[in-house]
Amino acid sequence: MNFSWLDNALWGASLVGHAALILVLFLRKRVREFPIFTGFIAYEVFTTILLFFISRDGTRHGYFLAYWITGFGDYPFQIAVIFEIARHVLRPTGTWVRDARRTFLAWGTGILLFAAVLSLQLGPPQSRGVDLWDSRITLFTSLLTVGVFIAMAAAATRLGLPWRSHAFALGQGLAIWATISLMEDFGHVLLGWNRDFLVLVHVRMFAYLVVLLYWIVTFWIPEKQRPPLSPEMHAYLLALHRKVQYDLEGIDGRNL
């Protein structure tokens, strides 16, 4: 397989960026907080190394087969990372905030249906088989990522939940990357595989490197002290505490 110097440079930068981010996650002990995200980055390191050796020593057919298989493996990770972010942002006390959960699930369901319907309707010109379904799944994942992030941000803002956290920084980076990927996906639908589309591919790769750098810096810096909870959240926690006390008193009374 022959790649341009730009492709090789972006490939190498991506490997270095992923390796640096893995190192930061372990050194700063962020792995316990974000095990799924850490697994996703580790998977990216593995696939980058694997595809490099296949491109150098394997056949063209073998490379493209490995590319499609590892590419499909990205999608479950991306969706799982979204829910890992939501778990951190919308569960400030370790349990789901009831109103946030309702809002998030309602918006998330609507976005899921919209993304699925739109993705099934679109596809690159003259694409068939694996290429067509890869484009549709990529479009679906990008739409879902952007939409769910917006839903999560709306729920957090409405309830006064803290924004300045590693979880939200992770979501911001993921949303930016998904937005650029969405532009690439629509470009793929309109242009198919041609030289103009390759420009969008390189733009998306550059954007991802910027997001990687942002994550490296963010996860290295200690998390800022969270601002005080909003009056609505304080009232919710007070009501939850009273309910727990009432339930415990009821249990004690039955045991007497």
Protein backbone atom coordinates (compact mmCIF):
# COMPACT_ATOMS: atom_id res chain seq x y z
CA MET A 1 0.00 0.00 0.00
CA ASN A 2 1.28 3.44 -0.95
CA PHE A 3 0.16 6.49 1.05
CA SER A 4 1.11 10.13 0.60
CA TRP A 5 3.56 11.79 2.97
CA LEU A 6 0.62 13.74 4.45
CA ASP A 7 -1.32 10.56 5.21
CA ASN A 8 1.75 9.00 6.83
CA ALA A 9 2.42 12.14 8.88
CA LEU A 10 -1.16 12.30 10.14
CA TRP A 11 -1.08 8.59 10.87
CA GLY A 12 2.11 8.94 12.91
CA ALA A 13 0.82 12.02 14.76
CA SER A 14 -2.37 10.16 15.63
CA LEU A 15 -0.39 7.26 17.12
CA VAL A 16 1.78 9.62 19.18
CA GLY A 17 -1.29 11.55 20.35
CA HIS A 18 -3.17 8.43 21.42
CA ALA A 19 -0.11 7.03 23.22
CA ALA A 20 0.41 10.35 25.04
CA LEU A 21 -3.25 10.46 26.09
CA ILE A 22 -3.08 6.89 27.42
CA LEU A 23 0.01 7.85 29.41
CA VAL A 24 -1.74 10.90 30.86
CA LEU A 25 -4.85 8.90 31.81
CA PHE A 26 -2.71 6.42 33.74
CA LEU A 27 -0.29 8.91 35.30
CA ARG A 28 -3.07 11.24 36.47
CA LYS A 29 -5.23 8.27 37.57
CA ARG A 30 -8.18 9.11 35.33
CA VAL A 31 -8.66 5.48 34.30
CA ARG A 32 -11.00 4.70 37.21
CA GLU A 33 -13.24 7.62 36.27
CA PHE A 34 -13.24 6.93 32.53
CA PRO A 35 -12.60 3.20 31.91
CA ILE A 36 -14.61 3.11 28.67
CA PHE A 37 -12.85 6.16 27.24
CA THR A 38 -9.48 4.68 28.21
CA GLY A 39 -10.45 1.43 26.48
CA PHE A 40 -11.47 3.39 23.39
CA ILE A 41 -8.11 5.18 23.19
CA ALA A 42 -6.25 1.91 23.77
CA TYR A 43 -8.27 0.37 20.92
CA GLU A 44 -7.26 3.26 18.66
CA VAL A 45 -3.57 2.64 19.48
CA PHE A 46 -3.98 -1.06 18.71
CA THR A 47 -5.78 -0.50 15.38
CA THR A 48 -3.28 2.16 14.25
CA ILE A 49 -0.33 -0.19 14.84
CA LEU A 50 -2.17 -3.13 13.28
CA LEU A 51 -3.12 -1.22 10.12
CA PHE A 52 0.42 0.13 9.79
CA PHE A 53 1.97 -3.34 9.70
CA ILE A 54 -0.72 -4.69 7.38
CA SER A 55 -0.25 -1.75 5.01
CA ARG A 56 3.49 -2.37 4.93
CA ASP A 57 3.61 -6.17 4.71
CA GLY A 58 0.09 -7.25 3.72
CA THR A 59 -1.99 -7.16 0.57
CA ARG A 60 -4.38 -4.42 -0.52
CA HIS A 61 -7.33 -6.76 0.10
CA GLY A 62 -6.05 -7.63 3.57
CA TYR A 63 -5.59 -3.98 4.47
CA PHE A 64 -9.09 -2.95 3.44
CA LEU A 65 -10.60 -5.96 5.22
CA ALA A 66 -8.77 -5.02 8.44
CA TYR A 67 -9.72 -1.35 7.94
CA TRP A 68 -13.44 -2.11 7.70
CA ILE A 69 -13.45 -4.57 10.60
CA THR A 70 -11.57 -2.27 12.98
CA GLY A 71 -13.63 0.70 11.77
CA PHE A 72 -16.88 -1.01 12.73
CA GLY A 73 -15.36 -1.69 16.16
CA ASP A 74 -15.13 2.08 16.74
CA TYR A 75 -18.89 2.62 16.76
CA PRO A 76 -19.86 0.73 19.96
CA PHE A 77 -17.00 2.47 21.76
CA GLN A 78 -18.13 5.92 20.64
CA ILE A 79 -21.71 5.36 21.78
CA ALA A 80 -20.53 3.87 25.10
CA VAL A 81 -18.30 6.91 25.72
CA ILE A 82 -21.32 9.20 25.27
CA PHE A 83 -23.17 7.41 28.05
CA GLU A 84 -20.06 7.39 30.23
CA ILE A 85 -19.98 11.17 29.92
CA ALA A 86 -23.68 11.42 30.75
CA ARG A 87 -23.17 9.21 33.79
CA HIS A 88 -20.62 11.70 35.16
CA VAL A 89 -22.41 14.93 34.28
CA LEU A 90 -25.97 13.93 35.18
CA ARG A 91 -25.11 11.91 38.31
CA PRO A 92 -23.28 14.44 40.52
CA THR A 93 -24.17 12.52 43.70
CA GLY A 94 -23.63 9.01 42.34
CA THR A 95 -27.29 8.52 41.42
CA TRP A 96 -29.21 9.84 38.44
CA VAL A 97 -30.92 13.17 38.92
CA ARG A 98 -34.52 12.27 38.18
CA ASP A 99 -35.42 15.30 36.04
CA ALA A 100 -32.10 15.12 34.19
CA ARG A 101 -32.61 11.46 33.44
CA ARG A 102 -36.10 12.07 32.05
CA THR A 103 -34.99 14.97 29.88
CA PHE A 104 -31.87 13.18 28.67
CA LEU A 105 -33.70 9.96 27.77
CA ALA A 106 -36.54 11.82 26.01
CA TRP A 107 -34.17 13.88 23.87
CA GLY A 108 -31.84 10.95 23.36
CA THR A 109 -34.66 8.74 22.05
CA GLY A 110 -35.80 11.41 19.63
CA ILE A 111 -32.27 12.01 18.39
CA LEU A 112 -31.70 8.26 18.02
CA LEU A 113 -34.79 7.89 15.81
CA PHE A 114 -33.95 10.97 13.74
CA ALA A 115 -30.35 9.82 13.20
CA ALA A 116 -31.46 6.32 12.22
CA VAL A 117 -34.09 7.51 9.72
CA LEU A 118 -31.79 10.10 8.09
CA SER A 119 -28.83 7.71 7.90
CA LEU A 120 -30.91 5.02 6.18
CA GLN A 121 -32.07 7.53 3.58
CA LEU A 122 -28.61 8.79 2.62
CA GLY A 123 -25.56 7.20 1.05
CA PRO A 124 -22.66 8.05 -1.28
CA PRO A 125 -23.44 7.89 -5.01
CA GLN A 126 -23.03 4.43 -6.53
CA SER A 127 -21.99 2.90 -3.20
CA ARG A 128 -22.90 -0.68 -2.41
CA GLY A 129 -22.35 -3.27 0.27
CA VAL A 130 -19.87 -2.59 3.05
CA ASP A 131 -18.95 0.89 1.81
CA LEU A 132 -22.61 1.99 1.83
CA TRP A 133 -23.30 0.65 5.32
CA ASP A 134 -20.04 2.03 6.70
CA SER A 135 -21.04 5.50 5.47
CA ARG A 136 -24.52 5.15 6.95
CA ILE A 137 -23.25 3.94 10.33
CA THR A 138 -20.63 6.70 10.44
CA LEU A 139 -23.31 9.30 9.69
CA PHE A 140 -25.60 7.77 12.32
CA THR A 141 -22.87 7.80 14.98
CA SER A 142 -21.88 11.41 14.23
CA LEU A 143 -25.51 12.60 14.39
CA LEU A 144 -26.11 10.67 17.59
CA THR A 145 -22.94 12.02 19.24
CA VAL A 146 -23.69 15.67 18.44
CA GLY A 147 -27.37 15.36 19.32
CA VAL A 148 -26.89 13.50 22.59
CA PHE A 149 -24.20 15.94 23.69
CA ILE A 150 -26.62 18.83 23.09
CA ALA A 151 -29.32 16.98 25.06
CA MET A 152 -26.91 16.34 27.92
CA ALA A 153 -25.76 19.97 27.94
CA ALA A 154 -29.37 21.18 27.96
CA ALA A 155 -30.26 18.92 30.89
CA ALA A 156 -27.16 19.98 32.84
CA THR A 157 -27.81 23.69 32.20
CA ARG A 158 -31.47 23.43 33.17
CA LEU A 159 -30.62 21.85 36.53
CA GLY A 160 -27.55 23.96 37.23
CA LEU A 161 -25.15 21.02 37.17
CA PRO A 162 -21.43 21.92 36.95
CA TRP A 163 -19.94 22.24 33.47
CA ARG A 164 -16.27 22.59 34.32
CA SER A 165 -15.18 19.00 34.67
CA HIS A 166 -13.14 16.39 32.86
CA ALA A 167 -16.35 14.69 31.77
CA PHE A 168 -17.68 17.80 30.11
CA ALA A 169 -14.32 18.55 28.47
CA LEU A 170 -14.39 15.02 27.10
CA GLY A 171 -17.88 15.65 25.76
CA GLN A 172 -16.88 18.96 24.20
CA GLY A 173 -13.96 17.37 22.36
CA LEU A 174 -16.10 14.48 21.20
CA ALA A 175 -18.84 16.82 19.98
CA ILE A 176 -16.36 18.98 18.03
CA TRP A 177 -14.84 15.91 16.39
CA ALA A 178 -18.31 14.50 15.62
CA THR A 179 -19.38 17.81 14.06
CA ILE A 180 -16.35 17.83 11.75
CA SER A 181 -16.99 14.16 10.96
CA LEU A 182 -20.59 15.05 10.16
CA MET A 183 -19.38 17.56 7.59
CA GLU A 184 -17.16 14.87 6.12
CA ASP A 185 -20.08 12.40 6.06
CA PHE A 186 -22.32 14.80 4.17
CA GLY A 187 -19.43 15.55 1.82
CA HIS A 188 -19.07 11.81 1.22
CA VAL A 189 -22.79 11.56 0.44
CA LEU A 190 -22.57 14.42 -2.08
CA LEU A 191 -19.16 13.76 -3.63
CA GLY A 192 -18.51 10.04 -3.25
CA TRP A 193 -14.84 9.02 -3.36
CA ASN A 194 -12.91 11.71 -5.23
CA ARG A 195 -10.10 14.19 -4.71
CA ASP A 196 -12.39 16.86 -3.24
CA PHE A 197 -13.64 14.43 -0.63
CA LEU A 198 -10.07 13.58 0.39
CA VAL A 199 -9.63 17.21 1.44
CA LEU A 200 -12.49 16.74 3.91
CA VAL A 201 -10.84 13.56 5.19
CA HIS A 202 -7.63 15.44 5.94
CA VAL A 203 -9.55 18.29 7.60
CA ARG A 204 -11.26 15.76 9.86
CA MET A 205 -7.91 14.14 10.72
CA PHE A 206 -6.37 17.52 11.58
CA ALA A 207 -9.39 18.36 13.75
CA TYR A 208 -9.05 15.06 15.59
CA LEU A 209 -5.39 15.79 16.35
CA VAL A 210 -6.44 19.14 17.84
CA VAL A 211 -9.07 17.35 19.96
CA LEU A 212 -6.44 14.83 21.11
CA LEU A 213 -4.18 17.69 22.22
CA TYR A 214 -7.09 19.32 24.03
CA TRP A 215 -7.83 16.05 25.88
CA ILE A 216 -4.17 15.56 26.80
CA VAL A 217 -3.95 19.04 28.34
CA THR A 218 -7.38 18.81 30.01
CA PHE A 219 -6.81 15.44 31.65
CA TRP A 220 -3.35 16.48 32.83
CA ILE A 221 -4.69 19.56 34.62
CA PRO A 222 -6.41 18.88 37.97
CA GLU A 223 -10.17 19.22 37.86
CA LYS A 224 -11.35 22.63 39.05
CA GLN A 225 -13.31 22.79 42.25
CA ARG A 226 -16.98 22.43 41.46
CA PRO A 227 -19.17 25.48 42.04
CA PRO A 228 -21.91 25.25 44.68
CA LEU A 229 -25.05 23.41 43.67
CA SER A 230 -27.99 25.38 42.34
CA PRO A 231 -31.03 25.98 44.60
CA GLU A 232 -32.99 23.45 42.54
CA MET A 233 -30.32 20.78 43.00
CA HIS A 234 -30.00 21.61 46.71
CA ALA A 235 -33.76 21.18 47.14
CA TYR A 236 -33.65 17.88 45.25
CA LEU A 237 -30.88 16.49 47.47
CA LEU A 238 -32.66 17.66 50.62
CA ALA A 239 -35.87 15.93 49.54
CA LEU A 240 -33.90 12.79 48.68
CA HIS A 241 -32.24 12.83 52.12
CA ARG A 242 -35.62 13.18 53.85
CA LYS A 243 -37.06 10.30 51.84
CA VAL A 244 -34.14 8.05 52.75
CA GLN A 245 -34.56 8.95 56.44
CA TYR A 246 -38.29 8.22 56.27
CA ASP A 247 -37.69 4.84 54.62
CA LEU A 248 -35.07 3.93 57.23
CA GLU A 249 -37.40 4.86 60.07
CA GLY A 250 -40.09 2.68 58.52
CA ILE A 251 -37.69 -0.26 58.32
CA ASP A 252 -36.65 0.23 61.96
CA GLY A 253 -40.27 0.39 63.04
CA ARG A 254 -41.10 -2.88 61.34
CA ASN A 255 -38.10 -4.57 62.93
CA LEU A 256 -39.18 -3.65 66.48
